[in-house]
Amino acid sequence: MSDTIKILTIQDISCYGQCSITVALPIISAFGIETAVLPSAVLSTHTSGFTDYTFRDLTEDLPAIKEHWEKEDIYFDAIYTGYIGSIKQLDYIKDIIDSRLKEDGVVFVDPAMADYGEFYYGFDQEFADKMGELCKLGDYVLPNTTEACYLLHKEWKPDFTKEEMLEMAEELSQFTKKHVILKGDNHRENELGMIVFDNEDNKSEIVYNDKIDHLSHGTGDVFASAFVGSTMNGKTPTQSAKIAGEFTKKAIEKTIGDSNHAYGVKFEQVIPELYDLLKSI
């Protein structure tokens, strides 16, 4: 019997633009993990910075795929969800987790629905509340501050104090079985922090990486994918957050200065460094 770790990632495919499955599949695979995909939609490009993109909704394909996997007796050690296109998909995904996750399996939820104080196109508070229900199935939930505020029905602001971030992470513990990884702590001038809250021990740690002053698309997906891969390789949540943060920072650094590369970050060029990150952290 194979002891290969198998992860299923459920999110959209943007055919061009480095985000969602086109980021998750290569990064998690680079950790030596067999990665299966379940696309929620197919887009010609991602939605940031492009216009007139095509969009094919695959909502009604999800139940049939699940049923086929049931017939084939296919199970997964972990399920990682990212950008989900509709409330109906959230219901289907909860069924897939219930049906296809191994008994001791792990769930990672990146509630990808908002940033910089605003919902992504097509999302609203009703969706956020439904996303909160999915988060409660997660062992690891990885929101940014905007997503956290929508989950908690709080008002967002560009800068939160350290104390406010710690309090928010603790409040988010209602949306996870085990761990909250809250991204976006900006209270240090040249560093970016992530709050790692342990729901079982009721305590927080802050992980810092050097802050790169450069706006890039898809970095949340790069971070989440590297976090998933690190965790499934036995790293603690704090170690995984550090590895994912360093990996994302290095990907941004590779991208700075290339004006033709505004649609994502050059994470592919940093994949050879993953082994060293896993060894050193």
Protein backbone atom coordinates (compact mmCIF):
# COMPACT_ATOMS: atom_id res chain seq x y z
CA MET A 1 0.00 0.00 0.00
CA SER A 2 1.35 3.43 -0.97
CA ASP A 3 2.33 5.86 1.79
CA THR A 4 2.33 8.81 -0.62
CA ILE A 5 0.72 11.93 0.81
CA LYS A 6 -2.14 13.07 -1.40
CA ILE A 7 -3.62 16.56 -1.26
CA LEU A 8 -6.68 17.86 -3.08
CA THR A 9 -6.80 21.57 -3.82
CA ILE A 10 -10.15 23.12 -4.75
CA GLN A 11 -10.06 26.53 -6.43
CA ASP A 12 -10.30 28.13 -9.85
CA ILE A 13 -7.98 27.82 -12.83
CA SER A 14 -6.85 31.11 -14.28
CA CYS A 15 -5.28 30.02 -17.55
CA TYR A 16 -2.99 33.06 -17.55
CA GLY A 17 -1.86 34.85 -14.42
CA GLN A 18 -0.13 33.30 -11.44
CA CYS A 19 -2.78 32.51 -8.88
CA SER A 20 -5.07 29.76 -7.60
CA ILE A 21 -4.43 26.28 -9.04
CA THR A 22 -1.67 27.43 -11.39
CA VAL A 23 0.24 28.41 -8.24
CA ALA A 24 -0.92 25.68 -5.84
CA LEU A 25 -0.19 22.70 -8.09
CA PRO A 26 3.49 23.41 -8.80
CA ILE A 27 4.37 24.68 -5.34
CA ILE A 28 2.77 21.85 -3.36
CA SER A 29 4.13 19.30 -5.85
CA ALA A 30 7.62 20.75 -5.32
CA PHE A 31 7.34 19.71 -1.67
CA GLY A 32 7.16 16.09 -2.86
CA ILE A 33 3.41 15.85 -2.36
CA GLU A 34 1.01 14.30 -4.85
CA THR A 35 -1.46 17.07 -5.68
CA ALA A 36 -4.88 16.53 -7.19
CA VAL A 37 -6.99 19.44 -8.41
CA LEU A 38 -10.69 20.21 -8.48
CA PRO A 39 -11.31 23.40 -10.47
CA SER A 40 -14.29 25.48 -9.39
CA ALA A 41 -14.14 27.57 -12.59
CA VAL A 42 -11.93 28.21 -15.59
CA LEU A 43 -10.99 31.78 -16.49
CA SER A 44 -8.92 32.98 -19.44
CA THR A 45 -6.97 35.24 -17.01
CA HIS A 46 -7.33 36.17 -13.40
CA THR A 47 -9.60 39.11 -12.61
CA SER A 48 -7.05 41.69 -11.40
CA GLY A 49 -5.69 43.96 -14.09
CA PHE A 50 -7.42 42.19 -16.99
CA THR A 51 -10.68 43.03 -18.73
CA ASP A 52 -13.13 41.01 -20.84
CA TYR A 53 -11.83 37.72 -19.45
CA THR A 54 -13.81 34.55 -20.08
CA PHE A 55 -15.38 32.65 -17.20
CA ARG A 56 -16.76 29.11 -17.20
CA ASP A 57 -18.54 28.12 -14.02
CA LEU A 58 -17.96 24.47 -13.06
CA THR A 59 -20.29 24.40 -10.05
CA GLU A 60 -22.51 21.63 -11.38
CA ASP A 61 -19.51 19.43 -12.22
CA LEU A 62 -18.48 19.11 -8.57
CA PRO A 63 -21.08 16.54 -7.41
CA ALA A 64 -20.41 14.22 -10.36
CA ILE A 65 -16.65 14.35 -9.73
CA LYS A 66 -17.22 13.51 -6.07
CA GLU A 67 -19.45 10.58 -7.03
CA HIS A 68 -16.82 9.20 -9.39
CA TRP A 69 -14.17 9.44 -6.68
CA GLU A 70 -16.49 7.58 -4.33
CA LYS A 71 -16.81 4.74 -6.87
CA GLU A 72 -13.03 4.65 -7.29
CA ASP A 73 -12.47 4.74 -3.51
CA ILE A 74 -10.26 7.83 -3.78
CA TYR A 75 -9.42 9.60 -0.51
CA PHE A 76 -7.12 12.47 0.40
CA ASP A 77 -4.79 13.14 3.32
CA ALA A 78 -5.55 16.84 3.12
CA ILE A 79 -7.92 19.20 1.33
CA TYR A 80 -6.90 22.80 0.65
CA THR A 81 -9.50 25.31 -0.55
CA GLY A 82 -8.78 28.67 -2.13
CA TYR A 83 -10.87 30.96 -4.32
CA ILE A 84 -14.42 29.58 -4.46
CA GLY A 85 -16.84 31.19 -6.89
CA SER A 86 -20.27 30.85 -5.27
CA ILE A 87 -22.25 29.98 -2.16
CA LYS A 88 -23.54 26.83 -3.87
CA GLN A 89 -19.97 25.66 -4.39
CA LEU A 90 -19.29 26.09 -0.68
CA ASP A 91 -22.07 23.62 0.08
CA TYR A 92 -20.70 21.12 -2.45
CA ILE A 93 -17.20 21.49 -1.03
CA LYS A 94 -18.40 20.72 2.49
CA ASP A 95 -19.87 17.49 1.09
CA ILE A 96 -16.57 16.65 -0.62
CA ILE A 97 -14.64 17.18 2.63
CA ASP A 98 -17.11 14.96 4.48
CA SER A 99 -16.92 12.25 1.83
CA ARG A 100 -13.34 12.21 0.51
CA LEU A 101 -11.10 13.30 3.40
CA LYS A 102 -9.40 10.48 5.29
CA GLU A 103 -10.47 9.98 8.88
CA ASP A 104 -7.31 11.64 10.20
CA GLY A 105 -7.09 14.10 7.29
CA VAL A 106 -6.32 17.80 7.49
CA VAL A 107 -8.28 20.75 6.05
CA PHE A 108 -6.70 24.07 5.04
CA VAL A 109 -9.05 26.96 4.22
CA ASP A 110 -7.80 30.14 2.59
CA PRO A 111 -10.97 32.29 2.59
CA ALA A 112 -9.92 34.10 -0.58
CA MET A 113 -12.67 36.68 -1.03
CA ALA A 114 -11.34 40.16 -0.19
CA ASP A 115 -8.31 42.41 0.26
CA TYR A 116 -7.47 46.04 1.03
CA GLY A 117 -10.84 46.63 2.68
CA GLU A 118 -13.03 45.43 -0.19
CA PHE A 119 -14.63 42.22 -1.44
CA TYR A 120 -13.42 40.75 -4.70
CA TYR A 121 -15.88 41.18 -7.54
CA GLY A 122 -19.05 39.15 -7.00
CA PHE A 123 -18.68 38.58 -3.25
CA ASP A 124 -20.65 40.11 -0.37
CA GLN A 125 -21.32 39.68 3.34
CA GLU A 126 -23.69 36.78 2.72
CA PHE A 127 -20.85 34.93 1.00
CA ALA A 128 -18.48 35.79 3.86
CA ASP A 129 -20.89 34.36 6.41
CA LYS A 130 -21.17 31.16 4.37
CA MET A 131 -17.38 31.05 4.03
CA GLY A 132 -17.25 31.18 7.82
CA GLU A 133 -19.16 27.90 7.91
CA LEU A 134 -16.55 26.29 5.64
CA CYS A 135 -13.76 27.71 7.79
CA LYS A 136 -15.16 25.85 10.80
CA LEU A 137 -14.26 22.59 9.05
CA GLY A 138 -10.66 23.76 8.75
CA ASP A 139 -7.73 22.73 10.88
CA TYR A 140 -5.87 25.75 9.48
CA VAL A 141 -7.56 28.98 8.38
CA LEU A 142 -5.46 31.62 6.62
CA PRO A 143 -7.25 34.99 6.23
CA ASN A 144 -5.80 38.40 5.57
CA THR A 145 -7.06 41.28 7.70
CA THR A 146 -9.85 42.23 5.27
CA GLU A 147 -11.19 38.67 5.17
CA ALA A 148 -10.89 38.47 8.95
CA CYS A 149 -12.95 41.64 9.36
CA TYR A 150 -15.70 40.33 7.10
CA LEU A 151 -15.77 37.02 8.95
CA LEU A 152 -16.02 38.88 12.26
CA HIS A 153 -18.31 41.70 11.03
CA LYS A 154 -15.67 44.25 11.99
CA GLU A 155 -14.66 47.50 10.30
CA TRP A 156 -11.40 47.21 8.38
CA LYS A 157 -8.61 49.76 8.51
CA PRO A 158 -5.20 49.89 6.78
CA ASP A 159 -3.18 49.48 9.98
CA PHE A 160 -3.96 47.50 13.10
CA THR A 161 -1.89 47.61 16.26
CA LYS A 162 -0.15 44.52 17.53
CA GLU A 163 -2.73 44.22 20.29
CA GLU A 164 -5.61 44.52 17.82
CA MET A 165 -4.11 41.83 15.60
CA LEU A 166 -3.66 39.45 18.52
CA GLU A 167 -7.23 40.07 19.64
CA MET A 168 -8.55 39.51 16.10
CA ALA A 169 -6.65 36.24 15.77
CA GLU A 170 -8.13 34.99 19.02
CA GLU A 171 -11.63 36.00 17.91
CA LEU A 172 -11.08 34.10 14.66
CA SER A 173 -10.49 30.92 16.64
CA GLN A 174 -14.26 30.34 16.49
CA PHE A 175 -13.75 29.64 12.76
CA THR A 176 -11.20 26.84 13.03
CA LYS A 177 -10.61 23.53 14.76
CA LYS A 178 -6.96 24.19 15.50
CA HIS A 179 -5.01 27.12 14.06
CA VAL A 180 -5.52 30.64 12.71
CA ILE A 181 -2.80 32.19 10.57
CA LEU A 182 -3.73 35.87 10.30
CA LYS A 183 -1.71 37.70 7.65
CA GLY A 184 -1.02 41.41 7.45
CA ASP A 185 0.50 42.64 10.74
CA ASN A 186 2.13 45.95 9.74
CA HIS A 187 2.96 47.44 13.13
CA ARG A 188 6.74 47.07 12.54
CA GLU A 189 8.11 49.49 9.97
CA ASN A 190 10.26 47.16 7.86
CA GLU A 191 8.72 43.80 8.69
CA LEU A 192 5.51 41.98 7.90
CA GLY A 193 4.01 39.84 10.63
CA MET A 194 1.67 36.87 10.76
CA ILE A 195 -0.23 35.94 13.89
CA VAL A 196 -0.32 32.19 14.52
CA PHE A 197 -3.04 31.37 17.04
CA ASP A 198 -3.25 27.89 18.54
CA ASN A 199 -6.89 27.19 19.34
CA GLU A 200 -6.04 24.17 21.49
CA ASP A 201 -3.50 25.94 23.73
CA ASN A 202 -5.19 29.36 23.46
CA LYS A 203 -1.95 31.19 22.70
CA SER A 204 -0.47 33.29 19.89
CA GLU A 205 2.92 33.68 18.26
CA ILE A 206 4.00 36.34 15.78
CA VAL A 207 6.18 35.38 12.83
CA TYR A 208 8.05 38.15 11.03
CA ASN A 209 9.62 38.42 7.59
CA ASP A 210 11.32 41.37 5.93
CA LYS A 211 8.70 43.57 4.28
CA ILE A 212 9.02 44.19 0.54
CA ASP A 213 7.32 47.41 -0.55
CA HIS A 214 5.90 46.06 -3.79
CA LEU A 215 2.29 45.26 -4.68
CA SER A 216 1.96 41.90 -6.43
CA HIS A 217 -1.00 39.74 -7.44
CA GLY A 218 -1.28 36.15 -6.23
CA THR A 219 1.01 36.39 -3.21
CA GLY A 220 -1.72 35.10 -0.92
CA ASP A 221 -1.96 31.94 -3.02
CA VAL A 222 1.83 31.56 -3.03
CA PHE A 223 1.92 31.92 0.75
CA ALA A 224 -0.96 29.51 1.38
CA SER A 225 0.47 26.86 -0.96
CA ALA A 226 3.89 27.03 0.67
CA PHE A 227 2.26 26.86 4.10
CA VAL A 228 0.31 23.74 3.10
CA GLY A 229 3.41 22.06 1.70
CA SER A 230 5.50 22.87 4.77
CA THR A 231 2.83 21.68 7.20
CA MET A 232 2.38 18.40 5.36
CA ASN A 233 6.15 17.92 5.63
CA GLY A 234 5.86 17.96 9.41
CA LYS A 235 6.60 21.58 10.22
CA THR A 236 4.78 23.35 13.04
CA PRO A 237 2.35 26.17 12.15
CA THR A 238 4.92 28.76 13.22
CA GLN A 239 7.66 27.14 11.14
CA SER A 240 5.32 26.77 8.17
CA ALA A 241 4.33 30.44 8.38
CA LYS A 242 8.00 31.43 8.44
CA ILE A 243 8.86 29.23 5.46
CA ALA A 244 5.84 30.44 3.49
CA GLY A 245 6.63 34.06 4.30
CA GLU A 246 10.26 33.71 3.23
CA PHE A 247 9.30 31.90 0.04
CA THR A 248 6.77 34.59 -0.86
CA LYS A 249 9.23 37.38 -0.08
CA LYS A 250 11.87 35.79 -2.32
CA ALA A 251 9.32 35.42 -5.14
CA ILE A 252 8.46 39.12 -4.89
CA GLU A 253 12.15 40.02 -4.95
CA LYS A 254 12.60 38.03 -8.17
CA THR A 255 9.75 40.00 -9.74
CA ILE A 256 10.71 43.56 -8.79
CA GLY A 257 11.97 45.56 -11.75
CA ASP A 258 10.14 43.59 -14.43
CA SER A 259 7.41 45.97 -15.63
CA ASN A 260 6.02 43.25 -17.93
CA HIS A 261 5.30 40.96 -15.01
CA ALA A 262 2.52 42.75 -13.15
CA TYR A 263 0.15 39.76 -13.14
CA GLY A 264 1.89 37.68 -10.45
CA VAL A 265 5.25 36.82 -8.90
CA LYS A 266 8.08 34.68 -10.23
CA PHE A 267 7.67 31.91 -7.67
CA GLU A 268 9.03 29.31 -10.13
CA GLN A 269 12.51 30.81 -9.79
CA VAL A 270 12.43 30.29 -6.02
CA ILE A 271 11.24 26.67 -6.02
CA PRO A 272 14.85 25.37 -5.97
CA GLU A 273 15.29 27.12 -2.62
CA LEU A 274 12.40 25.30 -0.92
CA TYR A 275 14.61 22.42 0.21
CA ASP A 276 17.01 24.79 1.98
CA LEU A 277 14.09 26.61 3.63
CA LEU A 278 12.68 23.31 4.90
CA LYS A 279 16.10 22.34 6.31
CA SER A 280 16.95 25.68 7.90
CA ILE A 281 13.62 26.58 9.55
